[in-house]
N, C-alpha and C. Protein backbone atom coordinates (compact mmCIF):
# COMPACT_ATOMS: atom_id res chain seq x y z
N UNK A 1 1.13 -1.17 -0.11
CA UNK A 1 0.03 -0.18 -0.09
C UNK A 1 0.72 1.35 -0.28
N UNK A 2 0.59 2.44 -0.59
CA UNK A 2 1.18 3.40 -0.91
C UNK A 2 0.98 4.06 0.22
N UNK A 3 2.03 4.80 0.77
CA UNK A 3 2.16 5.81 1.75
C UNK A 3 1.71 7.17 1.03
N UNK A 4 1.16 8.02 2.21
CA UNK A 4 0.42 9.24 1.51
C UNK A 4 1.65 10.20 1.60
N UNK A 5 1.32 11.16 0.80
CA UNK A 5 1.95 12.41 0.71
C UNK A 5 0.87 13.65 1.02
N UNK A 6 1.14 14.39 1.99
CA UNK A 6 0.03 15.89 2.05
C UNK A 6 0.83 16.88 1.77
N UNK A 7 0.27 17.58 0.57
CA UNK A 7 0.49 18.41 -0.07
C UNK A 7 -0.38 19.98 -0.04
N UNK A 8 0.68 20.90 -0.04
CA UNK A 8 -0.33 22.08 -0.75
C UNK A 8 0.18 22.57 -2.28
N UNK A 9 1.72 21.70 -2.55
CA UNK A 9 2.19 22.12 -3.59
C UNK A 9 2.00 21.57 -4.77
N UNK A 10 1.49 22.23 -5.74
CA UNK A 10 1.04 21.24 -7.36
C UNK A 10 2.28 20.64 -7.79
N UNK A 11 3.59 21.00 -7.58
CA UNK A 11 4.71 20.87 -8.21
C UNK A 11 5.08 19.37 -7.83
N UNK A 12 4.89 19.04 -6.16
CA UNK A 12 4.57 17.84 -5.38
C UNK A 12 3.93 17.02 -6.09
N UNK A 13 2.50 17.43 -6.09
CA UNK A 13 1.80 16.33 -6.28
C UNK A 13 1.77 15.99 -7.77
N UNK A 14 2.31 16.94 -8.92
CA UNK A 14 2.20 16.55 -10.19
C UNK A 14 3.67 15.26 -10.45
N UNK A 15 4.58 15.62 -9.46
CA UNK A 15 5.75 14.52 -9.49
C UNK A 15 5.47 13.13 -8.82
N UNK A 16 4.48 13.18 -7.88
CA UNK A 16 4.55 11.89 -7.24
C UNK A 16 3.28 11.31 -6.76
N UNK A 17 2.29 11.88 -7.87
CA UNK A 17 0.93 11.35 -7.98
C UNK A 17 1.09 9.34 -8.24
N UNK A 18 2.17 9.47 -8.57
CA UNK A 18 1.87 8.18 -9.44
C UNK A 18 2.51 6.75 -8.14
N UNK A 19 3.17 7.69 -7.46
CA UNK A 19 4.18 6.61 -6.05
C UNK A 19 3.49 6.63 -4.67
N UNK A 20 2.48 7.57 -4.94
CA UNK A 20 1.93 8.04 -3.26
C UNK A 20 0.95 8.22 -3.52
N UNK A 21 0.00 8.18 -2.24
CA UNK A 21 -1.59 8.23 -2.29
C UNK A 21 -1.41 9.87 -2.13
N UNK A 22 -1.12 10.73 -2.75
CA UNK A 22 -1.52 12.07 -2.78
C UNK A 22 -2.84 13.09 -2.15
N UNK A 23 -2.85 13.65 -1.26
CA UNK A 23 -3.87 14.02 -0.78
C UNK A 23 -3.16 15.47 -0.66
N UNK A 24 -3.95 16.19 -1.74
CA UNK A 24 -3.62 17.61 -2.38
C UNK A 24 -4.48 18.69 -1.51
N UNK A 25 -4.00 20.04 -1.16
CA UNK A 25 -4.82 20.66 -0.02
C UNK A 25 -4.39 22.16 -1.10
N UNK A 26 -5.30 22.19 -2.13
CA UNK A 26 -5.62 23.49 -2.68
C UNK A 26 -5.83 24.00 -2.48
N UNK A 27 -5.24 25.36 -2.18
CA UNK A 27 -5.71 26.81 -1.95
C UNK A 27 -5.66 26.91 0.03
N UNK A 28 -5.04 25.77 0.63
CA UNK A 28 -4.69 25.70 1.96
C UNK A 28 -3.42 25.72 2.28
N UNK A 29 -3.04 27.20 3.67
CA UNK A 29 -1.44 27.52 3.52
C UNK A 29 -0.77 26.49 4.60
N UNK A 30 0.09 26.76 5.19
CA UNK A 30 1.41 26.17 5.91
C UNK A 30 0.55 25.44 6.96
N UNK A 31 0.25 25.94 7.90
CA UNK A 31 -0.36 25.90 8.93
C UNK A 31 -1.71 24.51 8.84
N UNK A 32 -2.39 24.93 8.02
CA UNK A 32 -3.32 24.43 7.51
C UNK A 32 -3.17 22.66 7.19
N UNK A 33 -1.79 22.60 6.45
CA UNK A 33 -1.32 21.59 6.22
C UNK A 33 -1.14 20.68 7.33
N UNK A 34 -0.30 21.55 8.23
CA UNK A 34 0.07 20.78 9.58
C UNK A 34 -1.03 20.21 10.49
N UNK A 35 -2.33 21.13 10.53
CA UNK A 35 -2.99 20.69 11.08
C UNK A 35 -4.17 19.40 10.64
N UNK A 36 -3.59 19.18 9.28
CA UNK A 36 -4.32 17.96 8.42
C UNK A 36 -3.69 17.05 8.89
N UNK A 37 -2.13 16.67 9.16
CA UNK A 37 -1.33 16.06 9.12
C UNK A 37 -1.52 15.36 10.78
N UNK A 38 -1.95 16.47 11.45
CA UNK A 38 -2.22 16.27 12.91
C UNK A 38 -3.80 15.57 13.10
N UNK A 39 -4.62 15.46 12.37
CA UNK A 39 -5.71 15.17 12.40
C UNK A 39 -5.33 13.98 11.77
N UNK A 40 -4.71 13.46 10.85
CA UNK A 40 -4.15 11.88 10.16
C UNK A 40 -3.73 11.20 11.60
N UNK A 41 -2.68 11.90 12.12
CA UNK A 41 -1.97 11.19 13.28
C UNK A 41 -3.29 10.65 14.14
N UNK A 42 -4.11 12.06 14.54
CA UNK A 42 -5.25 11.23 15.66
C UNK A 42 -5.94 9.88 14.90
N UNK A 43 -6.35 10.05 13.68
CA UNK A 43 -7.12 8.42 12.91
C UNK A 43 -5.99 7.55 13.20
N UNK A 44 -4.68 7.38 13.55
CA UNK A 44 -3.69 6.11 13.59
C UNK A 44 -2.62 6.20 12.69
N UNK A 45 -2.61 7.30 11.56
CA UNK A 45 -1.19 7.19 10.64
C UNK A 45 -0.18 7.98 11.66
N UNK A 46 0.80 7.09 10.67
CA UNK A 46 2.22 7.71 11.61
C UNK A 46 3.17 8.33 10.70
N UNK A 47 3.41 9.69 11.41
CA UNK A 47 4.33 10.37 10.69
C UNK A 47 5.48 10.18 10.17
N UNK A 48 5.96 10.10 9.06
CA UNK A 48 7.19 9.35 8.23
C UNK A 48 8.37 10.62 8.16
N UNK A 49 7.94 12.07 8.02
CA UNK A 49 8.79 13.08 7.88
C UNK A 49 8.50 14.05 8.74
N UNK A 50 9.29 14.38 8.88
CA UNK A 50 9.17 15.81 10.13
C UNK A 50 8.77 16.47 9.43
N UNK A 51 7.09 17.62 10.08
CA UNK A 51 6.80 18.65 9.15
C UNK A 51 7.73 19.98 9.39
N UNK A 52 8.69 20.29 10.25
CA UNK A 52 9.63 21.23 9.40
C UNK A 52 11.08 21.10 9.30
N UNK A 53 10.79 19.91 8.19
CA UNK A 53 12.08 19.70 7.39
C UNK A 53 12.47 20.79 6.70
N UNK A 54 13.98 20.72 6.58
CA UNK A 54 14.34 22.35 5.99
C UNK A 54 14.65 23.50 6.52
N UNK A 55 15.41 24.09 5.92
CA UNK A 55 15.88 25.35 6.72
C UNK A 55 15.16 26.38 6.11
N UNK A 56 13.56 26.22 5.58
CA UNK A 56 12.72 27.57 5.25
C UNK A 56 12.05 27.75 6.46
N UNK A 57 12.00 29.34 6.99
CA UNK A 57 10.87 29.00 8.20
C UNK A 57 9.60 29.27 7.59
N UNK A 58 8.49 28.85 8.70
CA UNK A 58 7.32 28.19 8.18
C UNK A 58 7.05 29.87 7.67
N UNK A 59 7.28 31.05 8.25
CA UNK A 59 7.09 32.33 7.70
C UNK A 59 7.08 33.10 6.52
N UNK A 60 8.55 32.06 5.96
CA UNK A 60 8.80 32.27 4.73
C UNK A 60 8.07 31.79 3.36
N UNK A 61 7.71 30.57 3.69
CA UNK A 61 6.86 29.79 2.43
C UNK A 61 5.61 29.73 2.57
N UNK A 62 5.03 29.61 1.68
CA UNK A 62 3.36 29.09 2.01
C UNK A 62 3.25 27.21 1.93
N UNK A 63 4.17 27.12 1.18
CA UNK A 63 4.69 25.22 0.42
C UNK A 63 4.57 24.45 1.80
N UNK A 64 4.10 23.32 2.21
CA UNK A 64 4.83 22.40 3.03
C UNK A 64 4.20 21.16 2.28
N UNK A 65 4.96 20.04 2.23
CA UNK A 65 4.71 18.80 2.28
C UNK A 65 5.21 17.55 3.17
N UNK A 66 4.40 16.62 3.64
CA UNK A 66 4.79 15.79 4.56
C UNK A 66 4.27 14.31 3.92
N UNK A 67 4.99 13.42 4.28
CA UNK A 67 4.43 12.10 4.50
C UNK A 67 4.26 11.13 5.21
N UNK A 68 2.90 10.85 5.05
CA UNK A 68 2.51 9.73 6.30
C UNK A 68 2.46 8.61 5.92
N UNK A 69 1.88 7.51 6.95
CA UNK A 69 1.59 6.31 6.83
C UNK A 69 0.45 5.51 5.94
N UNK A 70 0.49 5.17 5.30
CA UNK A 70 -1.11 4.71 4.76
C UNK A 70 -1.80 4.07 5.75
N UNK A 71 -1.23 3.18 6.32
CA UNK A 71 -1.99 2.17 7.74
C UNK A 71 -2.03 2.55 8.78
N UNK A 72 -3.22 2.56 9.40
CA UNK A 72 -3.49 3.17 10.62
C UNK A 72 -3.30 2.08 11.38
N UNK A 73 -2.92 2.55 12.63
CA UNK A 73 -2.71 2.02 13.91
C UNK A 73 -3.04 2.65 15.03
N UNK A 74 -2.40 2.39 16.27
CA UNK A 74 -2.47 2.49 17.59
C UNK A 74 -2.08 4.31 17.41
N UNK A 75 -2.82 5.35 18.45
CA UNK A 75 -2.09 6.93 18.36
C UNK A 75 -0.65 6.73 18.35
N UNK A 76 -0.08 7.56 17.68
CA UNK A 76 1.63 7.51 17.62
C UNK A 76 2.09 8.92 18.41
N UNK A 77 2.22 8.53 19.45
CA UNK A 77 2.11 10.16 20.47
C UNK A 77 2.88 11.15 20.14
N UNK A 78 4.62 10.02 20.25
CA UNK A 78 5.66 10.75 19.59
C UNK A 78 5.40 11.50 18.52
N UNK A 79 4.59 11.19 17.49
CA UNK A 79 4.59 11.75 15.99
C UNK A 79 3.26 12.98 16.17
N UNK A 80 2.34 12.55 17.48
CA UNK A 80 1.31 13.68 17.50
C UNK A 80 2.33 14.97 18.22
N UNK A 81 2.94 14.70 19.32
CA UNK A 81 4.08 15.40 19.85
C UNK A 81 4.78 16.44 18.93
N UNK A 82 5.14 15.80 17.90
CA UNK A 82 6.09 16.22 16.93
C UNK A 82 5.18 17.37 16.09
N UNK A 83 4.17 17.25 15.60
CA UNK A 83 3.46 17.63 14.64
C UNK A 83 2.78 18.96 15.70
N UNK A 84 2.25 18.75 16.95
CA UNK A 84 1.61 19.64 17.66
C UNK A 84 2.49 20.67 17.49
N UNK A 85 3.75 20.13 18.42
CA UNK A 85 4.90 21.33 18.40
C UNK A 85 5.52 22.15 17.55
N UNK A 86 5.08 21.32 16.20
CA UNK A 86 5.48 22.34 15.00
C UNK A 86 4.52 22.74 14.49
N UNK A 87 3.27 22.94 14.64
CA UNK A 87 2.43 23.81 14.58
C UNK A 87 2.40 25.23 15.28
N UNK A 88 2.71 24.58 16.95
CA UNK A 88 2.92 25.73 17.44
C UNK A 88 4.11 27.00 17.01
N UNK A 89 5.48 26.28 16.44
CA UNK A 89 6.34 26.73 16.13
C UNK A 89 5.80 27.51 15.26
N UNK A 90 5.24 27.27 14.14
CA UNK A 90 4.69 27.72 12.92
C UNK A 90 4.06 28.85 13.19
N UNK A 91 2.91 28.86 14.33
CA UNK A 91 2.11 29.98 14.15
C UNK A 91 2.77 31.04 15.26
N UNK A 92 3.85 30.48 15.92
CA UNK A 92 4.61 31.61 16.55
C UNK A 92 5.27 32.45 15.33
N UNK A 93 6.01 31.96 14.46
CA UNK A 93 6.59 32.49 13.22
C UNK A 93 5.83 33.73 12.60
N UNK A 94 4.65 32.75 11.93
CA UNK A 94 3.53 33.47 11.35
C UNK A 94 3.16 34.40 11.87
N UNK A 95 2.92 34.87 13.56
CA UNK A 95 2.42 35.33 14.00
C UNK A 95 3.42 36.59 14.37
N UNK A 96 4.61 36.61 14.60
CA UNK A 96 5.58 37.21 14.64
C UNK A 96 5.98 38.10 13.14
N UNK A 97 6.10 37.56 12.74
CA UNK A 97 6.16 38.28 10.89
C UNK A 97 5.47 37.27 9.71
N UNK A 98 4.29 37.80 9.50
CA UNK A 98 3.52 37.03 8.26
C UNK A 98 3.93 36.55 6.94
N UNK A 99 3.83 35.62 6.33
CA UNK A 99 4.30 35.00 5.24
C UNK A 99 3.99 36.11 4.20
N UNK A 100 4.90 36.80 3.33
CA UNK A 100 4.89 38.13 2.87
C UNK A 100 3.62 37.83 1.67
N UNK A 101 3.25 38.91 0.71
CA UNK A 101 2.23 37.90 -0.48
C UNK A 101 3.40 38.33 -1.46
N UNK A 102 4.21 36.86 -1.71
CA UNK A 102 5.06 36.76 -2.63
C UNK A 102 4.60 37.13 -4.05
N UNK A 103 5.59 37.37 -5.02
CA UNK A 103 4.96 37.29 -6.41
C UNK A 103 5.37 36.38 -7.22
N UNK A 104 4.63 35.95 -8.03
CA UNK A 104 4.65 34.44 -9.12
C UNK A 104 6.04 33.93 -8.84
N UNK A 105 7.07 34.65 -9.35
CA UNK A 105 8.57 34.27 -9.64
C UNK A 105 9.19 33.70 -8.19
N UNK A 106 8.81 34.07 -6.85
CA UNK A 106 9.55 33.81 -5.68
C UNK A 106 8.34 32.69 -5.33
N UNK A 107 7.29 32.49 -5.74
CA UNK A 107 6.43 31.43 -5.38
C UNK A 107 6.79 29.75 -6.06
N UNK A 108 6.99 30.08 -7.42
CA UNK A 108 7.95 28.78 -7.93
C UNK A 108 8.98 28.69 -7.10
N UNK A 109 10.01 29.33 -7.03
CA UNK A 109 11.07 29.15 -6.02
C UNK A 109 10.69 28.02 -5.22
N UNK A 110 9.65 28.68 -3.96
CA UNK A 110 9.48 27.77 -3.21
C UNK A 110 9.04 26.46 -3.68
N UNK A 111 8.09 26.52 -4.27
CA UNK A 111 7.83 24.98 -4.71
C UNK A 111 8.82 23.89 -5.05
N UNK A 112 9.94 24.98 -5.86
CA UNK A 112 10.85 24.13 -6.23
C UNK A 112 12.10 23.78 -5.47
N UNK A 113 11.90 24.41 -4.15
CA UNK A 113 12.67 23.97 -2.51
C UNK A 113 11.99 23.05 -2.00
N UNK A 114 10.65 23.17 -1.80
CA UNK A 114 9.57 21.88 -1.23
C UNK A 114 9.73 20.69 -1.84
N UNK A 115 9.74 20.72 -3.85
CA UNK A 115 10.00 19.39 -3.92
C UNK A 115 11.31 19.22 -4.15
N UNK A 116 12.08 19.72 -3.71
CA UNK A 116 13.99 19.41 -3.74
C UNK A 116 13.78 18.48 -2.68
N UNK A 117 12.86 19.08 -1.21
CA UNK A 117 13.21 18.63 -0.05
C UNK A 117 12.79 17.00 0.05
N UNK A 118 11.37 16.96 -0.90
CA UNK A 118 10.80 15.76 -1.02
C UNK A 118 11.46 14.92 -1.86
N UNK A 119 12.18 15.30 -2.73
CA UNK A 119 12.97 14.32 -3.48
C UNK A 119 14.14 13.73 -2.60
N UNK A 120 14.75 14.65 -2.06
CA UNK A 120 15.94 13.80 -0.95
C UNK A 120 15.34 12.96 -0.05
N UNK A 121 14.01 13.17 0.44
CA UNK A 121 13.52 12.15 1.85
C UNK A 121 13.31 10.84 1.05
N UNK A 122 12.48 11.23 -0.36
CA UNK A 122 11.83 10.13 -0.64
C UNK A 122 13.26 8.98 -1.36
N UNK A 123 13.89 9.65 -1.88
CA UNK A 123 15.02 8.41 -2.26
C UNK A 123 15.68 7.80 -0.83
N UNK A 124 15.99 8.89 0.34
CA UNK A 124 16.61 8.41 1.17
C UNK A 124 15.20 7.27 2.08
N UNK A 125 14.17 7.59 1.57
CA UNK A 125 13.27 6.45 2.51
C UNK A 125 13.44 5.19 1.38
N UNK A 126 13.78 5.44 0.16
CA UNK A 126 13.77 3.87 -0.71
C UNK A 126 12.27 4.44 -1.53
N UNK A 127 11.55 5.34 -1.76
CA UNK A 127 10.73 5.18 -2.61
C UNK A 127 10.88 5.56 -3.96
N UNK A 128 12.21 5.62 -4.49
CA UNK A 128 12.18 6.19 -5.75
C UNK A 128 12.04 4.76 -6.69
């Protein structure tokens, strides 16, 4: 069974839609992606990638992609703590300095960065 890739990045969706169950959260922001991931952990999915991976701060980019297990099991309390802490950190960053209304050419760059992060982690997880 394919793992689940949760993303609001159309480039990630397009590249990995054949290898993953992609949950594309169109028109959702960074925190909304993390909240969706948290809800999935509550449903029994396991967090397979860290929600704050990469060196881009949550208030700098609107894009986020996270890999989740497709299998459901008992509540992953460690994963839940990680995603809850990630939501709090993201809210803190965004409250202190909101994400700018970036022009399209900058948004393209942030999509490429998020895609690159996913390509690297997917290769390391052996999903390529």
